Structures are given as C-alpha cells and as structure tokens.
N, C-alpha and C. Protein backbone atom coordinates (compact mmCIF):
# COMPACT_ATOMS: atom_id res chain seq x y z
N MET A 1 -24.60 -21.91 -79.07
CA MET A 1 -24.80 -22.64 -80.32
C MET A 1 -23.97 -22.02 -81.44
N GLN A 2 -23.93 -20.68 -81.50
CA GLN A 2 -23.15 -20.01 -82.53
C GLN A 2 -21.67 -20.29 -82.35
N ASN A 3 -21.22 -20.34 -81.09
CA ASN A 3 -19.81 -20.64 -80.84
C ASN A 3 -19.47 -22.04 -81.33
N PHE A 4 -20.38 -22.99 -81.07
CA PHE A 4 -20.15 -24.37 -81.51
C PHE A 4 -20.08 -24.44 -83.04
N THR A 5 -21.04 -23.78 -83.71
CA THR A 5 -21.07 -23.78 -85.18
C THR A 5 -19.81 -23.13 -85.74
N GLY A 6 -19.37 -22.07 -85.09
CA GLY A 6 -18.15 -21.40 -85.54
C GLY A 6 -16.93 -22.29 -85.44
N ARG A 7 -16.84 -23.09 -84.35
CA ARG A 7 -15.72 -24.00 -84.19
C ARG A 7 -15.74 -25.09 -85.26
N ILE A 8 -16.95 -25.59 -85.57
CA ILE A 8 -17.08 -26.62 -86.61
C ILE A 8 -16.65 -26.06 -87.96
N ASN A 9 -17.10 -24.85 -88.29
CA ASN A 9 -16.73 -24.23 -89.57
C ASN A 9 -15.23 -23.99 -89.65
N ASN A 10 -14.64 -23.59 -88.54
CA ASN A 10 -13.18 -23.38 -88.53
C ASN A 10 -12.44 -24.69 -88.76
N GLN A 11 -12.96 -25.77 -88.17
CA GLN A 11 -12.33 -27.07 -88.36
C GLN A 11 -12.47 -27.55 -89.81
N ILE A 12 -13.64 -27.34 -90.39
CA ILE A 12 -13.85 -27.70 -91.80
C ILE A 12 -12.89 -26.95 -92.70
N GLU A 13 -12.75 -25.67 -92.45
CA GLU A 13 -11.85 -24.86 -93.26
C GLU A 13 -10.40 -25.31 -93.09
N ALA A 14 -10.03 -25.70 -91.86
CA ALA A 14 -8.66 -26.18 -91.61
C ALA A 14 -8.40 -27.47 -92.37
N VAL A 15 -9.40 -28.35 -92.41
CA VAL A 15 -9.25 -29.61 -93.16
C VAL A 15 -9.11 -29.32 -94.64
N ARG A 16 -9.91 -28.42 -95.17
CA ARG A 16 -9.81 -28.06 -96.58
C ARG A 16 -8.42 -27.52 -96.91
N ASN A 17 -7.91 -26.65 -96.08
CA ASN A 17 -6.58 -26.09 -96.31
C ASN A 17 -5.51 -27.16 -96.25
N GLU A 18 -5.67 -28.13 -95.34
CA GLU A 18 -4.69 -29.19 -95.21
C GLU A 18 -4.72 -30.09 -96.45
N ILE A 19 -5.91 -30.36 -96.97
CA ILE A 19 -6.03 -31.18 -98.18
C ILE A 19 -5.35 -30.49 -99.36
N LYS A 20 -5.54 -29.17 -99.47
CA LYS A 20 -4.89 -28.42 -100.54
C LYS A 20 -3.37 -28.43 -100.36
N ARG A 21 -2.93 -28.33 -99.12
CA ARG A 21 -1.49 -28.25 -98.85
C ARG A 21 -0.77 -29.53 -99.23
N ILE A 22 -1.35 -30.67 -98.90
CA ILE A 22 -0.68 -31.94 -99.18
C ILE A 22 -1.07 -32.50 -100.55
N ASN A 23 -1.92 -31.75 -101.29
CA ASN A 23 -2.32 -32.15 -102.64
C ASN A 23 -2.91 -33.56 -102.64
N LEU A 24 -3.88 -33.79 -101.76
CA LEU A 24 -4.51 -35.10 -101.65
C LEU A 24 -5.42 -35.34 -102.86
N PRO A 25 -5.22 -36.44 -103.59
CA PRO A 25 -6.06 -36.71 -104.77
C PRO A 25 -7.51 -36.95 -104.36
N PRO A 26 -8.46 -36.46 -105.16
CA PRO A 26 -9.89 -36.59 -104.80
C PRO A 26 -10.45 -37.97 -105.12
N ASP A 27 -9.70 -38.81 -105.83
CA ASP A 27 -10.21 -40.11 -106.22
C ASP A 27 -10.43 -41.00 -105.01
N ILE A 28 -11.38 -41.93 -105.15
CA ILE A 28 -11.66 -42.90 -104.09
C ILE A 28 -10.54 -43.94 -104.04
N PHE A 29 -10.07 -44.25 -102.83
CA PHE A 29 -9.03 -45.25 -102.67
C PHE A 29 -9.66 -46.64 -102.78
N THR A 30 -9.09 -47.47 -103.62
CA THR A 30 -9.55 -48.84 -103.78
C THR A 30 -8.49 -49.80 -103.25
N VAL A 31 -8.85 -51.06 -103.15
CA VAL A 31 -7.92 -52.08 -102.64
C VAL A 31 -6.66 -52.13 -103.49
N GLU A 32 -6.82 -51.94 -104.81
CA GLU A 32 -5.67 -52.03 -105.71
C GLU A 32 -4.63 -50.95 -105.43
N LEU A 33 -5.04 -49.84 -104.83
CA LEU A 33 -4.12 -48.74 -104.55
C LEU A 33 -3.44 -48.87 -103.19
N CYS A 34 -3.83 -49.89 -102.42
CA CYS A 34 -3.31 -50.04 -101.07
C CYS A 34 -2.35 -51.22 -100.97
N TYR A 35 -1.55 -51.20 -99.94
CA TYR A 35 -0.66 -52.33 -99.64
C TYR A 35 -0.62 -52.50 -98.12
N PRO A 36 -0.36 -53.72 -97.65
CA PRO A 36 -0.37 -53.97 -96.20
C PRO A 36 0.61 -53.08 -95.45
N ASN A 37 0.19 -52.66 -94.29
CA ASN A 37 1.04 -51.80 -93.48
C ASN A 37 2.20 -52.58 -92.88
N ASP A 38 3.37 -51.97 -92.89
CA ASP A 38 4.54 -52.54 -92.22
C ASP A 38 4.61 -51.90 -90.83
N TYR A 39 4.29 -52.69 -89.79
CA TYR A 39 4.22 -52.14 -88.44
C TYR A 39 5.59 -51.79 -87.87
N ASN A 40 6.65 -52.13 -88.59
CA ASN A 40 8.00 -51.77 -88.15
C ASN A 40 8.42 -50.40 -88.67
N GLN A 41 7.55 -49.79 -89.50
CA GLN A 41 7.87 -48.48 -90.06
C GLN A 41 6.85 -47.45 -89.58
N SER A 42 7.28 -46.19 -89.60
CA SER A 42 6.41 -45.10 -89.18
C SER A 42 5.36 -44.82 -90.25
N ILE A 43 4.19 -44.34 -89.82
CA ILE A 43 3.14 -43.98 -90.76
C ILE A 43 3.15 -42.48 -91.06
N ASP A 44 4.15 -41.76 -90.55
CA ASP A 44 4.26 -40.33 -90.84
C ASP A 44 4.39 -40.11 -92.34
N GLY A 45 3.60 -39.20 -92.87
CA GLY A 45 3.66 -38.89 -94.28
C GLY A 45 2.91 -39.87 -95.16
N LYS A 46 2.25 -40.85 -94.57
CA LYS A 46 1.50 -41.84 -95.33
C LYS A 46 0.00 -41.62 -95.15
N ILE A 47 -0.76 -42.06 -96.12
CA ILE A 47 -2.22 -42.05 -96.01
C ILE A 47 -2.65 -43.43 -95.55
N VAL A 48 -3.32 -43.50 -94.42
CA VAL A 48 -3.72 -44.77 -93.83
C VAL A 48 -5.18 -45.05 -94.16
N ALA A 49 -5.43 -46.17 -94.79
CA ALA A 49 -6.80 -46.59 -95.11
C ALA A 49 -7.18 -47.75 -94.20
N ILE A 50 -8.31 -47.62 -93.53
CA ILE A 50 -8.77 -48.66 -92.61
C ILE A 50 -10.05 -49.27 -93.17
N LYS A 51 -10.08 -50.59 -93.26
CA LYS A 51 -11.29 -51.26 -93.74
C LYS A 51 -12.45 -50.93 -92.79
N ALA A 52 -13.54 -50.49 -93.37
CA ALA A 52 -14.68 -50.06 -92.55
C ALA A 52 -15.21 -51.20 -91.68
N ASP A 53 -15.17 -52.44 -92.21
CA ASP A 53 -15.73 -53.54 -91.45
C ASP A 53 -14.84 -53.99 -90.30
N MET A 54 -13.61 -53.44 -90.23
CA MET A 54 -12.71 -53.79 -89.13
C MET A 54 -12.61 -52.69 -88.08
N ALA A 55 -13.19 -51.53 -88.35
CA ALA A 55 -13.12 -50.44 -87.38
C ALA A 55 -13.86 -50.81 -86.10
N ALA A 56 -15.05 -51.40 -86.24
CA ALA A 56 -15.85 -51.76 -85.06
C ALA A 56 -15.17 -52.81 -84.19
N PRO A 57 -14.59 -53.89 -84.76
CA PRO A 57 -13.92 -54.87 -83.90
C PRO A 57 -12.77 -54.28 -83.09
N TYR A 58 -12.00 -53.38 -83.66
CA TYR A 58 -10.90 -52.76 -82.91
C TYR A 58 -11.45 -51.90 -81.78
N LYS A 59 -12.57 -51.23 -82.03
CA LYS A 59 -13.20 -50.43 -80.98
C LYS A 59 -13.71 -51.34 -79.87
N GLU A 60 -14.31 -52.48 -80.26
CA GLU A 60 -14.79 -53.43 -79.26
C GLU A 60 -13.63 -54.00 -78.45
N TYR A 61 -12.53 -54.28 -79.12
CA TYR A 61 -11.37 -54.83 -78.42
C TYR A 61 -10.85 -53.85 -77.38
N ALA A 62 -10.81 -52.57 -77.75
CA ALA A 62 -10.30 -51.56 -76.82
C ALA A 62 -11.18 -51.46 -75.57
N ALA A 63 -12.48 -51.71 -75.73
CA ALA A 63 -13.40 -51.59 -74.60
C ALA A 63 -13.60 -52.91 -73.85
N ALA A 64 -13.14 -54.02 -74.42
CA ALA A 64 -13.39 -55.32 -73.81
C ALA A 64 -12.45 -55.59 -72.64
N GLU A 65 -12.87 -56.51 -71.79
CA GLU A 65 -12.05 -56.87 -70.63
C GLU A 65 -11.10 -58.00 -70.98
N PRO A 66 -9.92 -58.04 -70.36
CA PRO A 66 -8.97 -59.13 -70.62
C PRO A 66 -9.59 -60.48 -70.29
N PHE A 67 -9.25 -61.48 -71.09
CA PHE A 67 -9.79 -62.82 -70.90
C PHE A 67 -8.72 -63.69 -70.25
N THR A 68 -8.98 -64.12 -69.03
CA THR A 68 -7.96 -64.80 -68.23
C THR A 68 -8.12 -66.32 -68.21
N ALA A 69 -9.12 -66.84 -68.91
CA ALA A 69 -9.34 -68.29 -68.88
C ALA A 69 -8.45 -69.04 -69.87
N CYS A 70 -7.63 -68.33 -70.62
CA CYS A 70 -6.67 -68.97 -71.53
C CYS A 70 -5.28 -68.43 -71.22
N ASP A 71 -4.26 -69.13 -71.68
CA ASP A 71 -2.89 -68.75 -71.36
C ASP A 71 -2.23 -67.92 -72.45
N GLN A 72 -3.00 -67.39 -73.41
CA GLN A 72 -2.45 -66.57 -74.47
C GLN A 72 -2.49 -65.09 -74.07
N LYS A 73 -1.55 -64.33 -74.61
CA LYS A 73 -1.46 -62.90 -74.29
C LYS A 73 -2.39 -62.09 -75.19
N ASN A 74 -2.76 -60.91 -74.68
CA ASN A 74 -3.53 -59.92 -75.44
C ASN A 74 -4.87 -60.46 -75.94
N VAL A 75 -5.50 -61.32 -75.16
CA VAL A 75 -6.81 -61.87 -75.51
C VAL A 75 -7.88 -61.16 -74.69
N ARG A 76 -8.94 -60.73 -75.36
CA ARG A 76 -10.04 -60.07 -74.66
C ARG A 76 -11.37 -60.70 -75.07
N LYS A 77 -12.29 -60.70 -74.14
CA LYS A 77 -13.59 -61.33 -74.35
C LYS A 77 -14.57 -60.36 -75.00
N PHE A 78 -15.16 -60.79 -76.12
CA PHE A 78 -16.15 -59.99 -76.81
C PHE A 78 -17.57 -60.35 -76.38
N LEU A 79 -17.90 -61.65 -76.45
CA LEU A 79 -19.24 -62.11 -76.13
C LEU A 79 -19.15 -63.37 -75.28
N ASP A 80 -20.14 -63.55 -74.43
CA ASP A 80 -20.14 -64.67 -73.51
C ASP A 80 -21.60 -65.07 -73.30
N TYR A 81 -21.95 -66.31 -73.71
CA TYR A 81 -23.33 -66.77 -73.55
C TYR A 81 -23.32 -68.25 -73.26
N LYS A 82 -24.03 -68.62 -72.20
CA LYS A 82 -24.06 -70.00 -71.75
C LYS A 82 -22.64 -70.49 -71.51
N ASN A 83 -22.21 -71.51 -72.25
CA ASN A 83 -20.90 -72.09 -72.01
C ASN A 83 -19.91 -71.76 -73.13
N VAL A 84 -20.22 -70.73 -73.93
CA VAL A 84 -19.40 -70.40 -75.10
C VAL A 84 -18.94 -68.95 -75.01
N VAL A 85 -17.72 -68.70 -75.49
CA VAL A 85 -17.16 -67.35 -75.46
C VAL A 85 -16.57 -67.02 -76.83
N LEU A 86 -16.75 -65.77 -77.24
CA LEU A 86 -16.11 -65.24 -78.44
C LEU A 86 -15.05 -64.26 -77.98
N ALA A 87 -13.82 -64.47 -78.41
CA ALA A 87 -12.71 -63.63 -77.96
C ALA A 87 -11.86 -63.20 -79.14
N ALA A 88 -11.04 -62.19 -78.91
CA ALA A 88 -10.12 -61.70 -79.94
C ALA A 88 -8.74 -61.53 -79.34
N GLN A 89 -7.73 -61.79 -80.15
CA GLN A 89 -6.34 -61.65 -79.72
C GLN A 89 -5.64 -60.65 -80.64
N LEU A 90 -4.98 -59.67 -80.03
CA LEU A 90 -4.21 -58.69 -80.80
C LEU A 90 -2.83 -59.29 -81.08
N MET A 91 -2.55 -59.52 -82.36
CA MET A 91 -1.31 -60.16 -82.75
C MET A 91 -0.17 -59.14 -82.83
N GLY A 92 1.02 -59.65 -82.98
CA GLY A 92 2.20 -58.78 -83.04
C GLY A 92 2.22 -57.86 -84.24
N ASN A 93 1.55 -58.26 -85.32
CA ASN A 93 1.50 -57.41 -86.51
C ASN A 93 0.34 -56.43 -86.50
N GLY A 94 -0.39 -56.38 -85.38
CA GLY A 94 -1.51 -55.45 -85.24
C GLY A 94 -2.85 -56.00 -85.66
N GLU A 95 -2.89 -57.22 -86.20
CA GLU A 95 -4.15 -57.81 -86.61
C GLU A 95 -4.91 -58.36 -85.41
N LEU A 96 -6.23 -58.37 -85.53
CA LEU A 96 -7.08 -59.03 -84.55
C LEU A 96 -7.45 -60.40 -85.08
N HIS A 97 -7.19 -61.43 -84.29
CA HIS A 97 -7.59 -62.80 -84.65
C HIS A 97 -8.69 -63.25 -83.71
N PHE A 98 -9.71 -63.90 -84.28
CA PHE A 98 -10.91 -64.23 -83.53
C PHE A 98 -11.03 -65.73 -83.31
N VAL A 99 -11.62 -66.09 -82.17
CA VAL A 99 -11.75 -67.50 -81.78
C VAL A 99 -13.00 -67.67 -80.93
N THR A 100 -13.62 -68.84 -81.03
CA THR A 100 -14.68 -69.21 -80.09
C THR A 100 -14.21 -70.42 -79.31
N TRP A 101 -14.52 -70.45 -78.03
CA TRP A 101 -14.16 -71.56 -77.15
C TRP A 101 -15.38 -72.00 -76.36
N GLU A 102 -15.26 -73.20 -75.80
CA GLU A 102 -16.20 -73.67 -74.80
C GLU A 102 -15.49 -73.67 -73.45
N TYR A 103 -16.20 -73.23 -72.42
CA TYR A 103 -15.63 -73.21 -71.07
C TYR A 103 -15.47 -74.64 -70.54
N SER A 104 -14.52 -74.79 -69.65
CA SER A 104 -14.34 -76.06 -68.94
C SER A 104 -13.81 -75.74 -67.54
N TYR A 105 -13.82 -76.75 -66.67
CA TYR A 105 -13.33 -76.60 -65.29
C TYR A 105 -13.99 -75.40 -64.60
N ASN A 106 -15.33 -75.40 -64.66
CA ASN A 106 -16.10 -74.35 -63.99
C ASN A 106 -15.67 -72.95 -64.44
N ARG A 107 -15.48 -72.81 -65.76
CA ARG A 107 -15.12 -71.54 -66.41
C ARG A 107 -13.71 -71.07 -66.07
N ALA A 108 -12.89 -71.94 -65.53
CA ALA A 108 -11.51 -71.57 -65.24
C ALA A 108 -10.60 -71.79 -66.44
N ALA A 109 -11.07 -72.53 -67.44
CA ALA A 109 -10.28 -72.81 -68.62
C ALA A 109 -11.21 -72.91 -69.83
N VAL A 110 -10.61 -73.01 -71.02
CA VAL A 110 -11.39 -73.14 -72.25
C VAL A 110 -10.80 -74.23 -73.12
N GLY A 111 -11.61 -74.76 -74.02
CA GLY A 111 -11.16 -75.78 -74.96
C GLY A 111 -12.02 -75.79 -76.20
N GLN A 112 -11.75 -76.77 -77.09
CA GLN A 112 -12.50 -76.93 -78.33
C GLN A 112 -12.54 -75.61 -79.10
N GLY A 113 -11.37 -75.05 -79.35
CA GLY A 113 -11.30 -73.77 -80.03
C GLY A 113 -11.56 -73.85 -81.52
N HIS A 114 -12.34 -72.92 -82.02
CA HIS A 114 -12.54 -72.74 -83.46
C HIS A 114 -11.87 -71.42 -83.82
N TYR A 115 -10.85 -71.48 -84.68
CA TYR A 115 -10.01 -70.32 -84.95
C TYR A 115 -10.30 -69.76 -86.34
N PHE A 116 -10.49 -68.42 -86.43
CA PHE A 116 -10.96 -67.80 -87.65
C PHE A 116 -10.03 -66.72 -88.20
N GLY A 117 -8.85 -66.58 -87.66
CA GLY A 117 -7.97 -65.53 -88.15
C GLY A 117 -8.63 -64.17 -88.01
N THR A 118 -8.59 -63.38 -89.07
CA THR A 118 -9.18 -62.03 -89.05
C THR A 118 -10.66 -62.02 -89.45
N ASN A 119 -11.24 -63.19 -89.62
CA ASN A 119 -12.61 -63.30 -90.11
C ASN A 119 -13.62 -63.14 -88.96
N TYR A 120 -13.97 -61.89 -88.66
CA TYR A 120 -14.84 -61.58 -87.54
C TYR A 120 -16.26 -62.10 -87.76
N GLU A 121 -16.79 -61.92 -88.98
CA GLU A 121 -18.16 -62.33 -89.25
C GLU A 121 -18.33 -63.84 -89.08
N ALA A 122 -17.35 -64.61 -89.56
CA ALA A 122 -17.43 -66.06 -89.42
C ALA A 122 -17.37 -66.46 -87.95
N ALA A 123 -16.54 -65.77 -87.16
CA ALA A 123 -16.45 -66.08 -85.74
C ALA A 123 -17.76 -65.76 -85.02
N ARG A 124 -18.40 -64.67 -85.39
CA ARG A 124 -19.69 -64.31 -84.78
C ARG A 124 -20.76 -65.34 -85.14
N GLU A 125 -20.75 -65.78 -86.39
CA GLU A 125 -21.71 -66.80 -86.81
C GLU A 125 -21.49 -68.09 -86.02
N ASP A 126 -20.23 -68.47 -85.86
CA ASP A 126 -19.91 -69.68 -85.13
C ASP A 126 -20.33 -69.56 -83.66
N PHE A 127 -20.11 -68.39 -83.07
CA PHE A 127 -20.51 -68.17 -81.68
C PHE A 127 -22.02 -68.31 -81.53
N ALA A 128 -22.77 -67.73 -82.46
CA ALA A 128 -24.23 -67.78 -82.38
C ALA A 128 -24.74 -69.22 -82.46
N ILE A 129 -24.09 -70.03 -83.31
CA ILE A 129 -24.51 -71.42 -83.46
C ILE A 129 -24.09 -72.25 -82.25
N ARG A 130 -22.84 -72.12 -81.83
CA ARG A 130 -22.34 -72.94 -80.72
C ARG A 130 -23.07 -72.63 -79.42
N SER A 131 -23.42 -71.38 -79.22
CA SER A 131 -24.08 -70.98 -77.97
C SER A 131 -25.58 -71.25 -77.99
N GLY A 132 -26.12 -71.61 -79.16
CA GLY A 132 -27.54 -71.90 -79.26
C GLY A 132 -28.41 -70.69 -79.56
N LEU A 133 -27.79 -69.54 -79.85
CA LEU A 133 -28.59 -68.37 -80.19
C LEU A 133 -29.35 -68.57 -81.49
N ILE A 134 -28.73 -69.30 -82.43
CA ILE A 134 -29.44 -69.72 -83.64
C ILE A 134 -29.16 -71.21 -83.84
N ARG A 135 -30.10 -71.90 -84.49
CA ARG A 135 -29.95 -73.33 -84.71
C ARG A 135 -29.08 -73.57 -85.94
N GLU A 136 -28.15 -74.50 -85.83
CA GLU A 136 -27.26 -74.80 -86.96
C GLU A 136 -28.05 -75.30 -88.16
N SER A 137 -29.19 -75.95 -87.90
CA SER A 137 -30.00 -76.45 -89.01
C SER A 137 -30.60 -75.32 -89.84
N ASN A 138 -30.59 -74.09 -89.29
CA ASN A 138 -31.13 -72.95 -90.03
C ASN A 138 -30.09 -72.29 -90.92
N VAL A 139 -28.83 -72.75 -90.85
CA VAL A 139 -27.75 -72.16 -91.63
C VAL A 139 -27.40 -73.09 -92.79
N LEU A 140 -27.49 -72.59 -94.01
CA LEU A 140 -27.17 -73.39 -95.17
C LEU A 140 -25.66 -73.52 -95.34
N THR A 141 -25.22 -74.71 -95.73
CA THR A 141 -23.81 -74.91 -96.04
C THR A 141 -23.54 -74.41 -97.46
N LYS A 142 -22.27 -74.26 -97.79
CA LYS A 142 -21.90 -73.82 -99.13
C LYS A 142 -22.41 -74.80 -100.18
N LYS A 143 -22.35 -76.10 -99.90
CA LYS A 143 -22.81 -77.12 -100.84
C LYS A 143 -24.32 -76.98 -101.09
N GLN A 144 -25.08 -76.69 -100.02
CA GLN A 144 -26.52 -76.52 -100.17
C GLN A 144 -26.84 -75.27 -100.99
N VAL A 145 -26.12 -74.19 -100.75
CA VAL A 145 -26.33 -72.96 -101.51
C VAL A 145 -26.04 -73.19 -102.98
N ASN A 146 -24.96 -73.92 -103.28
CA ASN A 146 -24.62 -74.23 -104.67
C ASN A 146 -25.71 -75.06 -105.34
N ALA A 147 -26.30 -76.01 -104.59
CA ALA A 147 -27.36 -76.85 -105.15
C ALA A 147 -28.58 -76.01 -105.50
N ILE A 148 -28.95 -75.10 -104.62
CA ILE A 148 -30.10 -74.22 -104.88
C ILE A 148 -29.83 -73.34 -106.09
N LYS A 149 -28.61 -72.81 -106.18
CA LYS A 149 -28.25 -71.95 -107.31
C LYS A 149 -28.34 -72.72 -108.63
N SER A 150 -27.84 -73.96 -108.63
CA SER A 150 -27.88 -74.78 -109.84
C SER A 150 -29.31 -75.05 -110.27
N ALA A 151 -30.20 -75.30 -109.30
CA ALA A 151 -31.61 -75.55 -109.62
C ALA A 151 -32.26 -74.31 -110.23
N CYS A 152 -31.93 -73.16 -109.66
CA CYS A 152 -32.49 -71.90 -110.19
C CYS A 152 -31.98 -71.64 -111.60
N GLU A 153 -30.68 -71.86 -111.82
CA GLU A 153 -30.11 -71.64 -113.15
C GLU A 153 -30.72 -72.59 -114.18
N TYR A 154 -30.95 -73.84 -113.79
CA TYR A 154 -31.53 -74.82 -114.71
C TYR A 154 -32.94 -74.40 -115.13
N ARG A 155 -33.73 -73.99 -114.15
CA ARG A 155 -35.10 -73.57 -114.50
C ARG A 155 -35.08 -72.32 -115.36
N TYR A 156 -34.19 -71.37 -115.04
CA TYR A 156 -34.14 -70.12 -115.80
C TYR A 156 -33.76 -70.38 -117.26
N GLU A 157 -32.88 -71.34 -117.49
CA GLU A 157 -32.39 -71.61 -118.84
C GLU A 157 -33.30 -72.58 -119.62
N ASN A 158 -34.11 -73.37 -118.93
CA ASN A 158 -34.84 -74.44 -119.61
C ASN A 158 -36.36 -74.36 -119.54
N ASP A 159 -36.87 -73.52 -118.67
CA ASP A 159 -38.33 -73.44 -118.53
C ASP A 159 -38.89 -72.50 -119.60
N GLU A 160 -39.52 -73.07 -120.63
CA GLU A 160 -40.05 -72.27 -121.73
C GLU A 160 -41.30 -71.50 -121.33
N ASP A 161 -41.95 -71.93 -120.26
CA ASP A 161 -43.18 -71.26 -119.81
C ASP A 161 -42.91 -70.20 -118.74
N LEU A 162 -41.66 -69.90 -118.52
CA LEU A 162 -41.29 -68.95 -117.46
C LEU A 162 -41.79 -67.55 -117.81
N THR A 163 -42.53 -66.93 -116.90
CA THR A 163 -43.02 -65.57 -117.12
C THR A 163 -41.89 -64.57 -116.90
N TYR A 164 -42.14 -63.35 -117.35
CA TYR A 164 -41.12 -62.30 -117.19
C TYR A 164 -40.82 -62.05 -115.72
N ASP A 165 -41.87 -61.91 -114.90
CA ASP A 165 -41.67 -61.63 -113.48
C ASP A 165 -40.94 -62.78 -112.78
N ALA A 166 -41.32 -64.01 -113.14
CA ALA A 166 -40.66 -65.17 -112.53
C ALA A 166 -39.20 -65.23 -112.95
N GLY A 167 -38.92 -64.87 -114.21
CA GLY A 167 -37.53 -64.85 -114.67
C GLY A 167 -36.70 -63.82 -113.94
N ARG A 168 -37.28 -62.63 -113.74
CA ARG A 168 -36.56 -61.58 -112.99
C ARG A 168 -36.29 -62.02 -111.56
N LEU A 169 -37.28 -62.70 -110.95
CA LEU A 169 -37.10 -63.19 -109.58
C LEU A 169 -35.99 -64.22 -109.52
N LEU A 170 -35.94 -65.11 -110.51
CA LEU A 170 -34.87 -66.12 -110.54
C LEU A 170 -33.50 -65.46 -110.74
N GLN A 171 -33.43 -64.45 -111.61
CA GLN A 171 -32.18 -63.73 -111.81
C GLN A 171 -31.69 -63.09 -110.52
N ASP A 172 -32.61 -62.42 -109.83
CA ASP A 172 -32.25 -61.79 -108.56
C ASP A 172 -31.79 -62.83 -107.54
N THR A 173 -32.48 -63.98 -107.51
CA THR A 173 -32.13 -65.04 -106.57
C THR A 173 -30.75 -65.60 -106.88
N ILE A 174 -30.46 -65.82 -108.15
CA ILE A 174 -29.15 -66.34 -108.56
C ILE A 174 -28.04 -65.36 -108.20
N GLU A 175 -28.28 -64.06 -108.43
CA GLU A 175 -27.28 -63.06 -108.08
C GLU A 175 -27.02 -63.04 -106.58
N HIS A 176 -28.10 -63.13 -105.81
CA HIS A 176 -27.97 -63.14 -104.36
C HIS A 176 -27.19 -64.36 -103.88
N LEU A 177 -27.48 -65.51 -104.48
CA LEU A 177 -26.77 -66.73 -104.09
C LEU A 177 -25.30 -66.65 -104.48
N ASN A 178 -25.00 -66.06 -105.64
CA ASN A 178 -23.61 -65.88 -106.04
C ASN A 178 -22.86 -65.01 -105.05
N GLU A 179 -23.52 -63.94 -104.59
CA GLU A 179 -22.90 -63.07 -103.59
C GLU A 179 -22.61 -63.84 -102.31
N SER A 180 -23.55 -64.68 -101.92
CA SER A 180 -23.37 -65.48 -100.70
C SER A 180 -22.21 -66.45 -100.85
N ILE A 181 -22.10 -67.09 -102.03
CA ILE A 181 -21.02 -68.04 -102.27
C ILE A 181 -19.67 -67.32 -102.28
N ASN A 182 -19.61 -66.18 -102.97
CA ASN A 182 -18.35 -65.42 -103.02
C ASN A 182 -17.94 -64.93 -101.64
N GLU A 183 -18.94 -64.55 -100.83
CA GLU A 183 -18.64 -64.09 -99.48
C GLU A 183 -18.05 -65.22 -98.65
N ARG A 184 -18.58 -66.42 -98.80
CA ARG A 184 -18.05 -67.56 -98.06
C ARG A 184 -16.64 -67.90 -98.51
N GLU A 185 -16.36 -67.74 -99.82
CA GLU A 185 -15.02 -68.01 -100.32
C GLU A 185 -14.03 -66.99 -99.79
N ASP A 186 -14.50 -65.75 -99.57
CA ASP A 186 -13.63 -64.71 -99.00
C ASP A 186 -13.49 -64.87 -97.49
N ARG A 187 -14.28 -65.74 -96.89
CA ARG A 187 -14.27 -65.95 -95.44
C ARG A 187 -13.94 -67.41 -95.16
N PRO A 188 -12.64 -67.79 -95.23
CA PRO A 188 -12.29 -69.20 -95.04
C PRO A 188 -12.70 -69.75 -93.70
N GLY A 189 -12.79 -68.91 -92.70
CA GLY A 189 -13.15 -69.40 -91.38
C GLY A 189 -14.57 -69.91 -91.30
N ALA A 190 -15.43 -69.47 -92.22
CA ALA A 190 -16.82 -69.91 -92.18
C ALA A 190 -16.92 -71.41 -92.40
N GLU A 191 -16.05 -71.97 -93.23
CA GLU A 191 -16.05 -73.41 -93.44
C GLU A 191 -15.26 -74.11 -92.35
N LYS A 192 -14.32 -73.42 -91.73
CA LYS A 192 -13.52 -74.03 -90.67
C LYS A 192 -14.39 -74.46 -89.50
N ARG A 193 -15.53 -73.76 -89.31
CA ARG A 193 -16.43 -74.13 -88.22
C ARG A 193 -16.90 -75.56 -88.39
N VAL A 194 -17.23 -75.95 -89.61
CA VAL A 194 -17.74 -77.29 -89.86
C VAL A 194 -16.63 -78.33 -89.70
N ILE A 195 -15.43 -78.01 -90.20
CA ILE A 195 -14.32 -78.94 -90.17
C ILE A 195 -13.86 -79.23 -88.75
N SER A 196 -13.80 -78.19 -87.93
CA SER A 196 -13.19 -78.36 -86.61
C SER A 196 -14.20 -78.54 -85.49
N LYS A 197 -15.45 -78.74 -85.84
CA LYS A 197 -16.52 -78.73 -84.82
C LYS A 197 -16.32 -79.79 -83.74
N HIS A 198 -15.76 -80.93 -84.12
CA HIS A 198 -15.64 -82.02 -83.16
C HIS A 198 -14.23 -82.16 -82.60
N ARG A 199 -13.37 -81.17 -82.92
CA ARG A 199 -12.02 -81.25 -82.38
C ARG A 199 -12.01 -80.83 -80.92
N ASN A 200 -11.07 -81.31 -80.17
CA ASN A 200 -10.94 -80.97 -78.75
C ASN A 200 -9.55 -80.42 -78.54
N ASP A 201 -9.32 -79.21 -79.07
CA ASP A 201 -7.97 -78.65 -79.06
C ASP A 201 -7.95 -77.38 -78.23
N ALA A 202 -7.55 -77.48 -77.00
CA ALA A 202 -7.38 -76.28 -76.17
C ALA A 202 -6.02 -75.71 -76.46
N ARG A 203 -5.99 -74.41 -76.76
CA ARG A 203 -4.72 -73.75 -77.03
C ARG A 203 -4.48 -72.67 -75.99
C-alpha cells in the first residue's frame, strides 16, 4: 500500500512540475478560447480540450463491434433492440456521426435511417422511441413545450392572486422549460426525428 501511495505522490509531483515547466494558465478553458482541431496537423505542443459529453461515445465506439448490415465504412453498433439499431460512424475528420436504422431482410440490411450528425443524445432518444423502450406520446415536442411555457408566463404576469410560493414555482418551471427549449435548439437532430420519421431512405 505504501509503495502504491508513493507512486501516486511521485506522479502528482511530476504533473505539478510539468505544469510549471510549460507555464500552463490556471484559468478554466471555455468554448470561446477553443477552436476546432485540424486533423491534418500535429497536436504536439497544443493543449487539447475534449468535450466531456463526447468522451463516453468515443469510448463506446472503441469497444463496439463493427456493423456489417450497412455498406458504409467505420460503422459500429452501439445499441440493438427489437428491430432497431443505434450505430455510429467515425468520419474522416474524426467526428462520430450517429444514426438509427430499422432492420430489413432478416437483419441482413437496414433502412429508414434517421441521421443526427454528432448529436448523440438526440440519436439515443430516437432509438428509445423507435424501438418502443419509451412511448413517443410521452415525449413533448418543441411546440408543446413552448405552449406550456407561454401559459406559465401569462399566469405569472397576470395572476394578481398568485402566492409567493406559487410564483417561485412558476419561475422555476419557466427556467426549466427555457433550458429544455435551448437544448433542443442546440440539438438539431432532435427535430429531425419528427421530420424524417416516415422516410424510407436506406443509405
């Protein structure tokens, strides 16, 4: 145990010395300080920032098995339930693009693809709905969320009998709905599920 602790302490000290050597700024890196990586250039001497929400998908991709039911390269299967599959494709620029398909020809091929680009959360939501893990009627559309938000805002601004606690609850609800709306706007694939649901496009 002491040997293990000693090795950890030595590693911590080595990291501290390395930070001092390269004069790494202590400030938190924000999106504004970053720029997209050019995969044609070396990352030597650069500080690489990885979005936390994308670390897990890349790990899943590395562990997933190749998906042979489609004719595209670098596609691996993430989830498979009933007649629906969630897969990811490693693109030439290093991005992971996500898609859900329905099996056909006794699982020898796929079709009716819903394509989400890098939007993993939207692809997972679509997979859960298409496979029947959750009912689509339980998922509110963006239009429905906006309608609920407008109703809450109207009551908050016009109800003269509104109690303090009820007002706080409405404020919290409005903030939560705004976050949900903004999240959907940042996830274009979430709406693509509705638009392309009846398409029959095998790629």
